[in-house]
């Protein structure tokens, strides 16, 4: 009698241990198979475009290579944007060593490496002479951010991750080949701007949005 009771007790103990083991494996399996949290939805392009067009202030440093007809040069670029005020410093083998540009609304001021200060039409003529073209600074302020200038019509091609792949505006074709994370947003790192025989390649080394 006692042997039968002992055997029954052993069977119950084995069954209980098996149940505990099964429950443990189920719980462990549940932890492993729990799906990770879905990534946050991408911000739509129209919303990103509006956000970037309103971005102010911002700064960038980078390198630029320009081919304009028979002219060509490479230079280091510093760009600062404060509202409508654009400040640009180009330093490198420009023939003159560098140029300092300040554009604010409809005004333009240029200072050469020799210290010559020019304004208005003379400033535009100096830029065209030294760079090979008169840069559209008012629109560049937007193109650098990977968005069109809101002041004129544009044709956009939106690529992966709701980022601009290419842009046509005011006779310029802009191609964006790489973006970089800057301040929690993705901003252009490599781009090419072309109009006629003017071709500008730009690499951004640092963004400060």
N, C-alpha and C. Protein backbone atom coordinates (compact mmCIF):
# COMPACT_ATOMS: atom_id res chain seq x y z
N UNK A 1 0.83 -1.20 0.00
CA UNK A 1 0.00 0.00 0.00
C UNK A 1 0.87 1.25 0.00
N UNK A 2 1.88 1.19 0.88
CA UNK A 2 2.77 2.35 0.97
C UNK A 2 3.55 2.52 -0.33
N UNK A 3 3.91 1.36 -0.99
CA UNK A 3 4.63 1.46 -2.27
C UNK A 3 3.79 2.10 -3.33
N UNK A 4 2.48 1.74 -3.34
CA UNK A 4 1.59 2.33 -4.34
C UNK A 4 1.44 3.82 -4.11
N UNK A 5 1.32 4.24 -2.85
CA UNK A 5 1.19 5.66 -2.54
C UNK A 5 2.45 6.42 -2.95
N UNK A 6 3.61 5.80 -2.68
CA UNK A 6 4.88 6.45 -3.04
C UNK A 6 4.99 6.63 -4.55
N UNK A 7 4.58 5.57 -5.30
CA UNK A 7 4.64 5.65 -6.76
C UNK A 7 3.71 6.73 -7.28
N UNK A 8 2.50 6.81 -6.68
CA UNK A 8 1.56 7.84 -7.10
C UNK A 8 2.10 9.24 -6.84
N UNK A 9 2.76 9.38 -5.66
CA UNK A 9 3.33 10.69 -5.31
C UNK A 9 4.43 11.10 -6.29
N UNK A 10 5.25 10.08 -6.69
CA UNK A 10 6.33 10.37 -7.63
C UNK A 10 5.76 10.82 -8.98
N UNK A 11 4.67 10.12 -9.42
CA UNK A 11 4.06 10.48 -10.69
C UNK A 11 3.53 11.91 -10.67
N UNK A 12 2.91 12.30 -9.53
CA UNK A 12 2.38 13.66 -9.42
C UNK A 12 3.51 14.70 -9.43
N UNK A 13 4.63 14.35 -8.74
CA UNK A 13 5.77 15.27 -8.68
C UNK A 13 6.38 15.47 -10.07
N UNK A 14 6.52 14.35 -10.80
CA UNK A 14 7.07 14.44 -12.16
C UNK A 14 6.16 15.27 -13.06
N UNK A 15 4.84 15.06 -12.94
CA UNK A 15 3.90 15.82 -13.74
C UNK A 15 3.96 17.31 -13.42
N UNK A 16 4.09 17.63 -12.10
CA UNK A 16 4.17 19.04 -11.71
C UNK A 16 5.42 19.69 -12.26
N UNK A 17 6.57 18.97 -12.18
CA UNK A 17 7.83 19.51 -12.70
C UNK A 17 7.75 19.73 -14.22
N UNK A 18 7.10 18.77 -14.89
CA UNK A 18 6.95 18.92 -16.34
C UNK A 18 6.10 20.12 -16.68
N UNK A 19 5.06 20.36 -15.89
CA UNK A 19 4.20 21.53 -16.14
C UNK A 19 4.95 22.83 -15.94
N UNK A 20 5.74 22.86 -14.83
CA UNK A 20 6.54 24.08 -14.56
C UNK A 20 7.51 24.34 -15.70
N UNK A 21 8.17 23.26 -16.18
CA UNK A 21 9.14 23.41 -17.28
C UNK A 21 8.46 23.91 -18.54
N UNK A 22 7.28 23.34 -18.82
CA UNK A 22 6.56 23.76 -20.01
C UNK A 22 6.15 25.21 -19.95
N UNK A 23 5.68 25.64 -18.75
CA UNK A 23 5.31 27.04 -18.61
C UNK A 23 6.51 27.95 -18.77
N UNK A 24 7.66 27.54 -18.26
CA UNK A 24 8.86 28.35 -18.38
C UNK A 24 9.29 28.50 -19.82
N UNK A 25 9.24 27.40 -20.59
CA UNK A 25 9.63 27.47 -22.00
C UNK A 25 8.68 28.35 -22.79
N UNK A 26 7.38 28.26 -22.45
CA UNK A 26 6.39 29.09 -23.14
C UNK A 26 6.66 30.56 -22.91
N UNK A 27 6.94 30.89 -21.65
CA UNK A 27 7.22 32.29 -21.33
C UNK A 27 8.47 32.77 -22.03
N UNK A 28 9.53 31.90 -22.03
CA UNK A 28 10.77 32.27 -22.69
C UNK A 28 10.56 32.45 -24.19
N UNK A 29 9.80 31.51 -24.78
CA UNK A 29 9.53 31.62 -26.20
C UNK A 29 8.76 32.88 -26.52
N UNK A 30 7.85 33.27 -25.64
CA UNK A 30 7.09 34.49 -25.86
C UNK A 30 7.97 35.71 -25.85
N UNK A 31 8.98 35.74 -24.97
CA UNK A 31 9.90 36.89 -24.92
C UNK A 31 10.69 36.99 -26.21
N UNK A 32 11.16 35.87 -26.73
CA UNK A 32 12.00 35.89 -27.93
C UNK A 32 11.19 36.32 -29.14
N UNK A 33 9.95 35.88 -29.22
CA UNK A 33 9.18 36.12 -30.43
C UNK A 33 8.43 37.45 -30.42
N UNK A 34 8.51 38.21 -29.29
CA UNK A 34 7.81 39.49 -29.25
C UNK A 34 8.37 40.41 -30.32
N UNK A 35 7.58 40.90 -31.24
CA UNK A 35 8.11 41.75 -32.31
C UNK A 35 8.61 43.08 -31.77
N UNK A 36 9.68 43.59 -32.41
CA UNK A 36 10.20 44.89 -32.00
C UNK A 36 9.22 45.98 -32.39
N UNK A 37 9.33 47.12 -31.73
CA UNK A 37 8.44 48.23 -32.01
C UNK A 37 8.63 48.72 -33.43
N UNK A 38 7.55 48.95 -34.10
CA UNK A 38 7.63 49.41 -35.49
C UNK A 38 8.29 50.78 -35.55
N UNK A 39 9.13 51.02 -36.57
CA UNK A 39 9.77 52.34 -36.69
C UNK A 39 8.74 53.43 -36.88
N UNK A 40 9.12 54.63 -36.42
CA UNK A 40 8.21 55.77 -36.56
C UNK A 40 7.95 56.06 -38.04
N UNK A 41 6.75 56.46 -38.34
CA UNK A 41 6.37 56.74 -39.72
C UNK A 41 7.18 57.92 -40.24
N UNK A 42 7.55 57.85 -41.52
CA UNK A 42 8.28 58.94 -42.14
C UNK A 42 7.40 60.18 -42.25
N UNK A 43 8.03 61.33 -42.07
CA UNK A 43 7.31 62.59 -42.29
C UNK A 43 7.10 62.76 -43.78
N UNK A 44 5.92 63.10 -44.19
CA UNK A 44 5.62 63.24 -45.62
C UNK A 44 6.46 64.37 -46.23
N UNK A 45 6.71 64.25 -47.53
CA UNK A 45 7.54 65.25 -48.20
C UNK A 45 6.95 66.66 -48.10
N UNK A 46 5.66 66.87 -48.33
CA UNK A 46 5.14 68.24 -48.21
C UNK A 46 5.40 68.84 -46.83
N UNK A 47 5.31 68.04 -45.78
CA UNK A 47 5.57 68.56 -44.44
C UNK A 47 7.05 68.83 -44.25
N UNK A 48 7.91 67.91 -44.70
CA UNK A 48 9.37 68.11 -44.59
C UNK A 48 9.79 69.35 -45.35
N UNK A 49 9.24 69.51 -46.56
CA UNK A 49 9.59 70.67 -47.38
C UNK A 49 9.27 71.97 -46.65
N UNK A 50 8.07 72.05 -46.06
CA UNK A 50 7.67 73.26 -45.33
C UNK A 50 8.58 73.49 -44.12
N UNK A 51 8.94 72.42 -43.42
CA UNK A 51 9.79 72.57 -42.24
C UNK A 51 11.18 73.08 -42.62
N UNK A 52 11.75 72.52 -43.70
CA UNK A 52 13.09 72.93 -44.11
C UNK A 52 13.10 74.32 -44.72
N UNK A 53 12.05 74.68 -45.44
CA UNK A 53 12.00 76.03 -45.99
C UNK A 53 11.93 77.08 -44.89
N UNK A 54 11.43 76.68 -43.73
CA UNK A 54 11.33 77.61 -42.59
C UNK A 54 12.54 77.52 -41.66
N UNK A 55 13.50 76.62 -41.95
CA UNK A 55 14.65 76.44 -41.06
C UNK A 55 15.50 77.70 -41.01
N UNK A 56 15.70 78.22 -39.83
CA UNK A 56 16.46 79.46 -39.65
C UNK A 56 16.78 79.61 -38.16
N UNK A 57 18.04 79.86 -37.81
CA UNK A 57 19.21 80.02 -38.69
C UNK A 57 19.85 78.67 -38.98
N UNK A 58 20.86 78.68 -39.86
CA UNK A 58 21.66 77.49 -40.07
C UNK A 58 23.03 77.89 -40.62
N UNK A 59 23.99 76.97 -40.47
CA UNK A 59 25.34 77.18 -40.97
C UNK A 59 25.84 75.89 -41.59
N UNK A 60 26.77 76.02 -42.52
CA UNK A 60 27.45 74.84 -43.06
C UNK A 60 28.86 75.21 -43.48
N UNK A 61 29.71 74.22 -43.46
CA UNK A 61 31.06 74.34 -44.02
C UNK A 61 31.25 73.18 -44.98
N UNK A 62 31.97 73.43 -46.05
CA UNK A 62 32.16 72.37 -47.03
C UNK A 62 33.17 72.76 -48.08
N UNK A 63 33.14 72.02 -49.19
CA UNK A 63 34.05 72.24 -50.31
C UNK A 63 33.24 72.35 -51.59
N UNK A 64 33.70 73.22 -52.47
CA UNK A 64 32.97 73.45 -53.71
C UNK A 64 33.95 73.41 -54.88
N UNK A 65 33.51 72.80 -55.98
CA UNK A 65 34.29 72.79 -57.22
C UNK A 65 33.40 73.34 -58.32
N UNK A 66 33.89 74.35 -59.02
CA UNK A 66 33.11 75.03 -60.04
C UNK A 66 33.80 74.91 -61.39
N UNK A 67 33.01 74.55 -62.40
CA UNK A 67 33.47 74.58 -63.79
C UNK A 67 32.49 75.47 -64.54
N UNK A 68 33.01 76.55 -65.11
CA UNK A 68 32.16 77.52 -65.82
C UNK A 68 32.86 77.89 -67.12
N UNK A 69 32.44 77.26 -68.21
CA UNK A 69 33.10 77.51 -69.48
C UNK A 69 34.55 77.07 -69.40
N UNK A 70 35.44 78.00 -69.67
CA UNK A 70 36.88 77.70 -69.62
C UNK A 70 37.46 77.91 -68.23
N UNK A 71 36.66 78.40 -67.29
CA UNK A 71 37.13 78.65 -65.94
C UNK A 71 36.81 77.47 -65.03
N UNK A 72 37.60 77.36 -63.97
CA UNK A 72 37.35 76.32 -62.98
C UNK A 72 38.17 76.57 -61.74
N UNK A 73 37.64 76.19 -60.60
CA UNK A 73 38.37 76.34 -59.35
C UNK A 73 37.74 75.46 -58.29
N UNK A 74 38.48 75.26 -57.21
CA UNK A 74 37.96 74.60 -56.02
C UNK A 74 38.19 75.54 -54.84
N UNK A 75 37.33 75.46 -53.85
CA UNK A 75 37.45 76.38 -52.71
C UNK A 75 36.78 75.78 -51.49
N UNK A 76 37.15 76.31 -50.34
CA UNK A 76 36.50 75.99 -49.08
C UNK A 76 35.34 76.96 -48.89
N UNK A 77 34.20 76.44 -48.45
CA UNK A 77 32.98 77.24 -48.34
C UNK A 77 32.49 77.32 -46.90
N UNK A 78 32.19 78.53 -46.45
CA UNK A 78 31.49 78.76 -45.19
C UNK A 78 30.22 79.54 -45.51
N UNK A 79 29.08 79.01 -45.06
CA UNK A 79 27.79 79.64 -45.34
C UNK A 79 27.05 79.84 -44.02
N UNK A 80 26.58 81.06 -43.78
CA UNK A 80 25.77 81.36 -42.60
C UNK A 80 24.48 82.01 -43.04
N UNK A 81 23.37 81.51 -42.52
CA UNK A 81 22.06 82.05 -42.87
C UNK A 81 21.39 82.55 -41.61
N UNK A 82 21.01 83.83 -41.60
CA UNK A 82 20.29 84.43 -40.48
C UNK A 82 19.12 85.21 -41.07
N UNK A 83 17.95 84.62 -41.10
CA UNK A 83 16.83 85.26 -41.74
C UNK A 83 17.12 85.48 -43.21
N UNK A 84 16.93 86.70 -43.69
CA UNK A 84 17.19 87.01 -45.10
C UNK A 84 18.67 87.31 -45.35
N UNK A 85 19.47 87.34 -44.31
CA UNK A 85 20.89 87.70 -44.44
C UNK A 85 21.73 86.45 -44.70
N UNK A 86 22.44 86.45 -45.82
CA UNK A 86 23.33 85.36 -46.19
C UNK A 86 24.76 85.86 -46.15
N UNK A 87 25.62 85.13 -45.45
CA UNK A 87 27.05 85.46 -45.39
C UNK A 87 27.84 84.27 -45.92
N UNK A 88 28.65 84.51 -46.95
CA UNK A 88 29.41 83.45 -47.59
C UNK A 88 30.88 83.83 -47.63
N UNK A 89 31.73 82.88 -47.25
CA UNK A 89 33.17 83.03 -47.39
C UNK A 89 33.69 81.90 -48.27
N UNK A 90 34.37 82.27 -49.34
CA UNK A 90 35.02 81.31 -50.22
C UNK A 90 36.52 81.53 -50.13
N UNK A 91 37.25 80.48 -49.80
CA UNK A 91 38.69 80.58 -49.68
C UNK A 91 39.34 79.44 -50.44
N UNK A 92 40.31 79.76 -51.27
CA UNK A 92 40.98 78.73 -52.05
C UNK A 92 41.64 79.34 -53.26
N UNK A 93 42.06 78.49 -54.18
CA UNK A 93 42.75 78.99 -55.38
C UNK A 93 41.78 79.64 -56.36
N UNK A 94 41.30 80.83 -55.97
CA UNK A 94 40.36 81.58 -56.81
C UNK A 94 41.07 82.63 -57.67
N UNK A 95 42.37 82.61 -57.64
CA UNK A 95 43.10 83.66 -58.35
C UNK A 95 43.29 84.87 -57.45
N UNK A 96 42.26 85.21 -56.66
CA UNK A 96 42.36 86.33 -55.74
C UNK A 96 42.54 85.84 -54.32
N UNK A 97 42.47 84.53 -54.12
CA UNK A 97 42.67 83.97 -52.78
C UNK A 97 41.40 83.76 -52.00
N UNK A 98 40.36 84.55 -52.27
CA UNK A 98 39.12 84.37 -51.53
C UNK A 98 38.17 85.53 -51.77
N UNK A 99 36.95 85.36 -51.27
CA UNK A 99 35.95 86.41 -51.42
C UNK A 99 34.97 86.30 -50.27
N UNK A 100 34.52 87.46 -49.79
CA UNK A 100 33.54 87.53 -48.69
C UNK A 100 32.29 88.19 -49.25
N UNK A 101 31.15 87.51 -49.08
CA UNK A 101 29.89 87.97 -49.69
C UNK A 101 28.83 88.09 -48.61
N UNK A 102 28.10 89.21 -48.64
CA UNK A 102 26.95 89.38 -47.75
C UNK A 102 25.78 89.82 -48.62
N UNK A 103 24.71 89.02 -48.59
CA UNK A 103 23.48 89.35 -49.32
C UNK A 103 22.36 89.47 -48.31
N UNK A 104 21.57 90.52 -48.45
CA UNK A 104 20.47 90.75 -47.51
C UNK A 104 19.30 91.34 -48.30
N UNK A 105 18.33 90.48 -48.59
CA UNK A 105 17.23 90.94 -49.42
C UNK A 105 17.74 91.27 -50.82
N UNK A 106 17.52 92.49 -51.26
CA UNK A 106 17.96 92.89 -52.59
C UNK A 106 19.34 93.50 -52.62
N UNK A 107 20.05 93.57 -51.49
CA UNK A 107 21.38 94.18 -51.46
C UNK A 107 22.47 93.11 -51.52
N UNK A 108 23.59 93.47 -52.12
CA UNK A 108 24.73 92.56 -52.23
C UNK A 108 26.01 93.34 -51.98
N UNK A 109 26.84 92.79 -51.10
CA UNK A 109 28.14 93.39 -50.80
C UNK A 109 29.22 92.33 -50.95
N UNK A 110 30.30 92.69 -51.63
CA UNK A 110 31.40 91.77 -51.86
C UNK A 110 32.69 92.43 -51.43
N UNK A 111 33.53 91.67 -50.72
CA UNK A 111 34.86 92.15 -50.35
C UNK A 111 35.88 91.14 -50.86
N UNK A 112 36.82 91.60 -51.65
CA UNK A 112 37.85 90.72 -52.21
C UNK A 112 38.96 90.51 -51.20
N UNK A 113 39.87 89.58 -51.53
CA UNK A 113 40.99 89.30 -50.63
C UNK A 113 41.91 90.51 -50.50
N UNK A 114 41.87 91.39 -51.49
CA UNK A 114 42.70 92.61 -51.42
C UNK A 114 42.04 93.70 -50.59
N UNK A 115 40.82 93.45 -50.10
CA UNK A 115 40.14 94.44 -49.27
C UNK A 115 39.22 95.36 -50.03
N UNK A 116 39.11 95.18 -51.34
CA UNK A 116 38.21 96.01 -52.14
C UNK A 116 36.76 95.68 -51.80
N UNK A 117 35.96 96.71 -51.52
CA UNK A 117 34.56 96.52 -51.18
C UNK A 117 33.68 97.02 -52.31
N UNK A 118 32.77 96.16 -52.72
CA UNK A 118 31.90 96.47 -53.85
C UNK A 118 30.45 96.23 -53.45
N UNK A 119 29.55 97.01 -54.05
CA UNK A 119 28.12 96.85 -53.76
C UNK A 119 27.34 96.85 -55.07
N UNK A 120 26.09 96.40 -54.97
CA UNK A 120 25.13 96.45 -56.07
C UNK A 120 25.68 95.81 -57.34
N UNK A 121 25.57 96.51 -58.48
CA UNK A 121 25.94 95.94 -59.77
C UNK A 121 27.43 95.59 -59.83
N UNK A 122 28.26 96.41 -59.19
CA UNK A 122 29.69 96.11 -59.17
C UNK A 122 29.96 94.80 -58.44
N UNK A 123 29.20 94.57 -57.37
CA UNK A 123 29.37 93.33 -56.61
C UNK A 123 28.97 92.12 -57.46
N UNK A 124 27.84 92.23 -58.17
CA UNK A 124 27.41 91.14 -59.05
C UNK A 124 28.44 90.88 -60.15
N UNK A 125 28.98 91.95 -60.71
CA UNK A 125 29.97 91.82 -61.78
C UNK A 125 31.25 91.15 -61.25
N UNK A 126 31.63 91.49 -60.03
CA UNK A 126 32.83 90.89 -59.43
C UNK A 126 32.65 89.39 -59.22
N UNK A 127 31.47 89.00 -58.71
CA UNK A 127 31.21 87.57 -58.52
C UNK A 127 31.22 86.83 -59.85
N UNK A 128 30.58 87.42 -60.86
CA UNK A 128 30.55 86.77 -62.17
C UNK A 128 31.95 86.64 -62.75
N UNK A 129 32.78 87.64 -62.50
CA UNK A 129 34.15 87.61 -63.02
C UNK A 129 35.01 86.58 -62.30
N UNK A 130 34.89 86.54 -60.97
CA UNK A 130 35.74 85.66 -60.18
C UNK A 130 35.26 84.21 -60.17
N UNK A 131 33.93 84.00 -60.19
CA UNK A 131 33.39 82.65 -60.10
C UNK A 131 33.04 82.06 -61.46
N UNK A 132 32.89 82.92 -62.45
CA UNK A 132 32.46 82.45 -63.75
C UNK A 132 30.96 82.51 -63.94
N UNK A 133 30.23 82.88 -62.89
CA UNK A 133 28.78 83.06 -62.96
C UNK A 133 28.34 83.84 -61.74
N UNK A 134 27.17 84.44 -61.83
CA UNK A 134 26.60 85.20 -60.72
C UNK A 134 25.66 84.26 -59.95
N UNK A 135 26.06 83.75 -58.80
CA UNK A 135 25.27 82.73 -58.10
C UNK A 135 23.92 83.27 -57.62
N UNK A 136 22.86 82.47 -57.75
CA UNK A 136 21.53 82.89 -57.27
C UNK A 136 21.42 82.66 -55.76
N UNK A 137 22.02 83.55 -54.98
CA UNK A 137 22.14 83.34 -53.55
C UNK A 137 20.78 83.20 -52.86
N UNK A 138 19.79 83.94 -53.35
CA UNK A 138 18.47 83.87 -52.73
C UNK A 138 17.85 82.49 -52.82
N UNK A 139 18.08 81.79 -53.93
CA UNK A 139 17.56 80.43 -54.11
C UNK A 139 18.50 79.39 -53.52
N UNK A 140 19.80 79.64 -53.60
CA UNK A 140 20.77 78.70 -53.04
C UNK A 140 20.52 78.44 -51.56
N UNK A 141 20.06 79.46 -50.87
CA UNK A 141 19.77 79.33 -49.45
C UNK A 141 18.78 78.18 -49.18
N UNK A 142 17.90 77.90 -50.14
CA UNK A 142 16.95 76.79 -50.03
C UNK A 142 17.51 75.50 -50.64
N UNK A 143 18.15 75.63 -51.81
CA UNK A 143 18.66 74.44 -52.48
C UNK A 143 19.65 73.69 -51.61
N UNK A 144 20.45 74.43 -50.84
CA UNK A 144 21.40 73.78 -49.95
C UNK A 144 20.72 72.87 -48.94
N UNK A 145 19.50 73.22 -48.55
CA UNK A 145 18.75 72.44 -47.57
C UNK A 145 17.99 71.28 -48.22
N UNK A 146 18.04 71.20 -49.54
CA UNK A 146 17.33 70.12 -50.22
C UNK A 146 15.88 70.41 -50.46
N UNK A 147 15.54 71.68 -50.67
CA UNK A 147 14.15 72.08 -50.95
C UNK A 147 14.16 73.18 -52.01
N UNK A 148 13.05 73.35 -52.73
CA UNK A 148 12.98 74.43 -53.71
C UNK A 148 12.77 75.79 -53.05
N UNK A 149 13.15 76.82 -53.76
CA UNK A 149 12.84 78.18 -53.35
C UNK A 149 11.32 78.36 -53.45
N UNK A 150 10.64 78.72 -52.35
CA UNK A 150 9.17 78.84 -52.41
C UNK A 150 8.70 80.00 -53.27
N UNK A 151 9.63 80.83 -53.74
CA UNK A 151 9.22 82.01 -54.49
C UNK A 151 9.00 81.81 -55.97
N UNK A 152 9.27 80.60 -56.50
CA UNK A 152 9.07 80.37 -57.93
C UNK A 152 8.74 78.91 -58.18
N UNK A 153 8.13 78.60 -59.32
CA UNK A 153 7.75 77.22 -59.62
C UNK A 153 8.97 76.30 -59.70
N UNK A 154 8.76 75.02 -59.39
CA UNK A 154 9.85 74.06 -59.42
C UNK A 154 9.30 72.68 -59.75
N UNK A 155 10.15 71.86 -60.36
CA UNK A 155 9.82 70.45 -60.62
C UNK A 155 10.66 69.61 -59.68
N UNK A 156 10.03 68.79 -58.87
CA UNK A 156 10.71 68.00 -57.84
C UNK A 156 10.64 66.52 -58.16
N UNK A 157 11.71 65.80 -57.81
CA UNK A 157 11.71 64.35 -57.82
C UNK A 157 12.07 63.90 -56.41
N UNK A 158 11.12 63.26 -55.73
CA UNK A 158 11.33 62.83 -54.35
C UNK A 158 11.79 61.38 -54.36
N UNK A 159 12.90 61.10 -53.67
CA UNK A 159 13.45 59.76 -53.62
C UNK A 159 13.08 59.04 -52.34
N UNK A 160 13.97 58.15 -51.92
CA UNK A 160 13.72 57.34 -50.73
C UNK A 160 13.67 58.19 -49.48
N UNK A 161 12.93 57.73 -48.50
CA UNK A 161 12.86 58.35 -47.19
C UNK A 161 12.34 59.79 -47.23
N UNK A 162 11.52 60.09 -48.25
CA UNK A 162 10.92 61.42 -48.36
C UNK A 162 11.99 62.53 -48.42
N UNK A 163 13.03 62.29 -49.20
CA UNK A 163 14.09 63.29 -49.41
C UNK A 163 14.16 63.61 -50.89
N UNK A 164 14.49 64.85 -51.18
CA UNK A 164 14.54 65.29 -52.57
C UNK A 164 15.72 64.64 -53.29
N UNK A 165 15.44 64.04 -54.45
CA UNK A 165 16.49 63.43 -55.26
C UNK A 165 17.01 64.39 -56.32
N UNK A 166 16.10 65.19 -56.89
CA UNK A 166 16.51 66.16 -57.89
C UNK A 166 15.50 67.29 -57.94
N UNK A 167 15.93 68.39 -58.53
CA UNK A 167 15.11 69.61 -58.55
C UNK A 167 15.45 70.41 -59.79
N UNK A 168 14.45 70.95 -60.45
CA UNK A 168 14.63 71.88 -61.55
C UNK A 168 13.93 73.18 -61.19
N UNK A 169 14.67 74.29 -61.22
CA UNK A 169 14.09 75.58 -60.86
C UNK A 169 14.92 76.71 -61.46
N UNK A 170 14.23 77.65 -62.07
CA UNK A 170 14.86 78.85 -62.63
C UNK A 170 16.04 78.53 -63.56
N UNK A 171 15.88 77.46 -64.33
CA UNK A 171 16.91 77.09 -65.29
C UNK A 171 18.03 76.25 -64.72
N UNK A 172 18.00 75.98 -63.42
CA UNK A 172 19.03 75.17 -62.77
C UNK A 172 18.52 73.75 -62.55
N UNK A 173 19.43 72.79 -62.72
CA UNK A 173 19.17 71.39 -62.40
C UNK A 173 20.03 71.02 -61.20
N UNK A 174 19.40 70.56 -60.13
CA UNK A 174 20.12 70.20 -58.91
C UNK A 174 19.90 68.72 -58.62
N UNK A 175 20.99 67.98 -58.45
CA UNK A 175 20.94 66.56 -58.14
C UNK A 175 21.53 66.33 -56.74
N UNK A 176 20.81 65.56 -55.92
CA UNK A 176 21.25 65.24 -54.57
C UNK A 176 21.63 63.76 -54.51
N UNK A 177 22.89 63.48 -54.22
CA UNK A 177 23.36 62.08 -54.23
C UNK A 177 23.61 61.51 -52.85
N UNK A 178 23.65 62.35 -51.81
CA UNK A 178 23.88 61.84 -50.46
C UNK A 178 23.33 62.82 -49.44
N UNK A 179 22.84 62.25 -48.33
CA UNK A 179 22.33 63.04 -47.21
C UNK A 179 23.06 62.62 -45.94
N UNK A 180 23.05 63.50 -44.93
CA UNK A 180 23.67 63.20 -43.66
C UNK A 180 22.77 63.65 -42.52
N UNK A 181 22.87 62.95 -41.39
CA UNK A 181 22.06 63.30 -40.22
C UNK A 181 22.65 64.54 -39.56
N UNK A 182 21.83 65.56 -39.43
CA UNK A 182 22.29 66.82 -38.84
C UNK A 182 21.21 67.35 -37.90
N UNK A 183 21.49 67.32 -36.62
CA UNK A 183 20.53 67.86 -35.66
C UNK A 183 19.21 67.13 -35.64
N UNK A 184 19.24 65.81 -35.94
CA UNK A 184 18.02 65.03 -35.93
C UNK A 184 17.26 65.01 -37.24
N UNK A 185 17.75 65.75 -38.24
CA UNK A 185 17.12 65.71 -39.55
C UNK A 185 18.17 65.33 -40.58
N UNK A 186 17.71 64.95 -41.76
CA UNK A 186 18.62 64.55 -42.83
C UNK A 186 18.73 65.69 -43.83
N UNK A 187 19.96 66.20 -43.98
CA UNK A 187 20.23 67.32 -44.88
C UNK A 187 21.23 66.90 -45.94
N UNK A 188 21.24 67.58 -47.08
CA UNK A 188 22.13 67.18 -48.18
C UNK A 188 23.60 67.22 -47.77
N UNK A 189 24.33 66.22 -48.25
CA UNK A 189 25.77 66.17 -48.05
C UNK A 189 26.53 66.33 -49.36
N UNK A 190 25.96 65.79 -50.44
CA UNK A 190 26.58 65.92 -51.76
C UNK A 190 25.52 66.34 -52.77
N UNK A 191 25.86 67.32 -53.58
CA UNK A 191 24.92 67.79 -54.59
C UNK A 191 25.68 68.36 -55.78
N UNK A 192 25.01 68.38 -56.92
CA UNK A 192 25.56 68.97 -58.13
C UNK A 192 24.51 69.92 -58.69
N UNK A 193 24.92 71.15 -58.99
CA UNK A 193 24.04 72.16 -59.57
C UNK A 193 24.56 72.51 -60.95
N UNK A 194 23.67 72.55 -61.93
CA UNK A 194 24.11 72.81 -63.30
C UNK A 194 23.12 73.69 -64.03
N UNK A 195 23.68 74.62 -64.81
CA UNK A 195 22.90 75.47 -65.70
C UNK A 195 23.78 75.88 -66.85
N UNK A 196 23.39 75.48 -68.06
CA UNK A 196 24.24 75.77 -69.21
C UNK A 196 25.61 75.15 -69.04
N UNK A 197 26.66 75.97 -69.21
CA UNK A 197 28.02 75.44 -69.08
C UNK A 197 28.59 75.63 -67.67
N UNK A 198 27.72 75.95 -66.71
CA UNK A 198 28.15 76.10 -65.32
C UNK A 198 27.79 74.83 -64.55
N UNK A 199 28.77 74.25 -63.91
CA UNK A 199 28.56 73.04 -63.12
C UNK A 199 29.23 73.23 -61.75
N UNK A 200 28.44 73.07 -60.69
CA UNK A 200 28.93 73.28 -59.32
C UNK A 200 28.75 71.99 -58.53
N UNK A 201 29.85 71.49 -58.01
CA UNK A 201 29.80 70.32 -57.13
C UNK A 201 30.06 70.77 -55.70
N UNK A 202 29.22 70.31 -54.79
CA UNK A 202 29.33 70.74 -53.39
C UNK A 202 29.30 69.54 -52.46
N UNK A 203 30.24 69.51 -51.54
CA UNK A 203 30.29 68.51 -50.47
C UNK A 203 30.21 69.25 -49.15
N UNK A 204 29.22 68.93 -48.33
CA UNK A 204 29.08 69.55 -47.02
C UNK A 204 29.83 68.69 -45.99
N UNK A 205 30.76 69.31 -45.29
CA UNK A 205 31.51 68.60 -44.25
C UNK A 205 30.85 68.71 -42.88
N UNK A 206 30.14 69.80 -42.64
CA UNK A 206 29.51 69.99 -41.32
C UNK A 206 28.28 70.87 -41.45
N UNK A 207 27.20 70.39 -40.88
CA UNK A 207 25.97 71.19 -40.77
C UNK A 207 25.80 71.65 -39.33
N UNK A 208 25.27 72.85 -39.16
CA UNK A 208 24.88 73.33 -37.86
C UNK A 208 23.50 73.98 -37.97
N UNK A 209 22.46 73.12 -37.98
CA UNK A 209 21.10 73.68 -38.13
C UNK A 209 20.61 74.33 -36.84
